[in-house]
């Protein structure tokens, strides 16, 4: 596997773990996982690291859409004030 492909699949794994994977990306990831037992091993290692480090909870603080909604709500933006 070329280095670029490796990076792409690691990105898909991370998107999956963060709950940000699209339907098409999920199909790609599933196909990759089923194509070789080594790929499943890689996924399991990444999942363990993800769970042990708490990366998933840290990412909750960096969700731009929900942060903007919260901030704009507190500032009263977008309420059509005159």
Protein backbone atom coordinates (compact mmCIF):
# COMPACT_ATOMS: atom_id res chain seq x y z
CA UNK A 1 0.00 0.00 0.00
CA UNK A 2 1.32 3.44 -0.92
CA UNK A 3 1.87 6.01 1.80
CA UNK A 4 -0.94 8.24 0.50
CA UNK A 5 -3.41 5.35 0.72
CA UNK A 6 -2.29 4.63 4.27
CA UNK A 7 -2.92 8.22 5.29
CA UNK A 8 -6.35 8.15 3.63
CA UNK A 9 -7.39 5.04 5.56
CA UNK A 10 -6.05 6.40 8.85
CA UNK A 11 -8.12 9.53 8.19
CA UNK A 12 -11.20 7.38 7.58
CA UNK A 13 -10.56 5.51 10.83
CA UNK A 14 -10.30 8.79 12.72
CA UNK A 15 -13.47 10.15 11.11
CA UNK A 16 -15.27 6.93 12.06
CA UNK A 17 -14.09 7.12 15.66
CA UNK A 18 -15.08 10.81 15.86
CA UNK A 19 -18.53 10.05 14.44
CA UNK A 20 -17.90 12.27 11.43
CA UNK A 21 -17.69 9.68 8.65
CA UNK A 22 -19.99 9.96 5.63
CA UNK A 23 -21.90 7.07 4.11
CA UNK A 24 -19.53 6.79 1.15
CA UNK A 25 -16.50 6.94 3.43
CA UNK A 26 -18.03 4.20 5.58
CA UNK A 27 -18.33 1.95 2.53
CA UNK A 28 -14.65 2.58 1.69
CA UNK A 29 -13.56 1.86 5.26
CA UNK A 30 -15.64 -1.31 5.51
CA UNK A 31 -14.26 -2.59 2.21
CA UNK A 32 -10.71 -1.88 3.36
CA UNK A 33 -11.28 -3.63 6.70
CA UNK A 34 -12.68 -6.71 4.98
CA UNK A 35 -9.89 -6.89 2.38
CA UNK A 36 -7.07 -7.90 4.75
CA UNK A 37 -6.86 -9.09 8.38
CA UNK A 38 -3.94 -6.69 8.88
CA UNK A 39 -6.27 -3.76 8.16
CA UNK A 40 -8.63 -4.90 10.90
CA UNK A 41 -5.66 -5.18 13.27
CA UNK A 42 -4.66 -1.60 12.41
CA UNK A 43 -8.22 -0.42 13.04
CA UNK A 44 -8.34 -2.18 16.41
CA UNK A 45 -5.03 -0.64 17.49
CA UNK A 46 -6.21 2.83 16.48
CA UNK A 47 -9.50 2.29 18.31
CA UNK A 48 -7.68 1.24 21.49
CA UNK A 49 -5.45 4.32 21.33
CA UNK A 50 -8.49 6.52 20.69
CA UNK A 51 -10.36 5.09 23.68
CA UNK A 52 -7.35 5.15 26.04
CA UNK A 53 -6.32 8.71 25.25
CA UNK A 54 -9.77 10.22 25.44
CA UNK A 55 -9.30 11.97 22.10
CA UNK A 56 -13.01 11.60 21.44
CA UNK A 57 -13.93 13.69 24.48
CA UNK A 58 -11.33 16.35 23.67
CA UNK A 59 -12.75 16.75 20.17
CA UNK A 60 -16.15 17.67 21.61
CA UNK A 61 -14.63 21.02 22.57
CA UNK A 62 -13.61 21.76 18.99
CA UNK A 63 -16.90 21.32 17.14
CA UNK A 64 -17.18 24.66 15.41
CA UNK A 65 -20.89 24.48 14.53
CA UNK A 66 -22.08 23.82 18.06
CA UNK A 67 -19.61 26.37 19.46
CA UNK A 68 -20.87 29.03 17.06
CA UNK A 69 -24.49 28.23 17.89
CA UNK A 70 -23.76 28.57 21.59
CA UNK A 71 -21.81 31.81 21.23
CA UNK A 72 -24.24 33.43 18.78
CA UNK A 73 -27.14 32.49 21.03
CA UNK A 74 -25.49 34.12 24.04
CA UNK A 75 -24.72 37.23 22.00
CA UNK A 76 -28.24 37.40 20.58
CA UNK A 77 -27.04 37.17 16.98
CA UNK A 78 -29.41 36.10 14.22
CA UNK A 79 -32.59 36.98 16.09
CA UNK A 80 -33.61 39.81 13.78
CA UNK A 81 -33.18 42.60 16.35
CA UNK A 82 -34.00 46.09 15.16
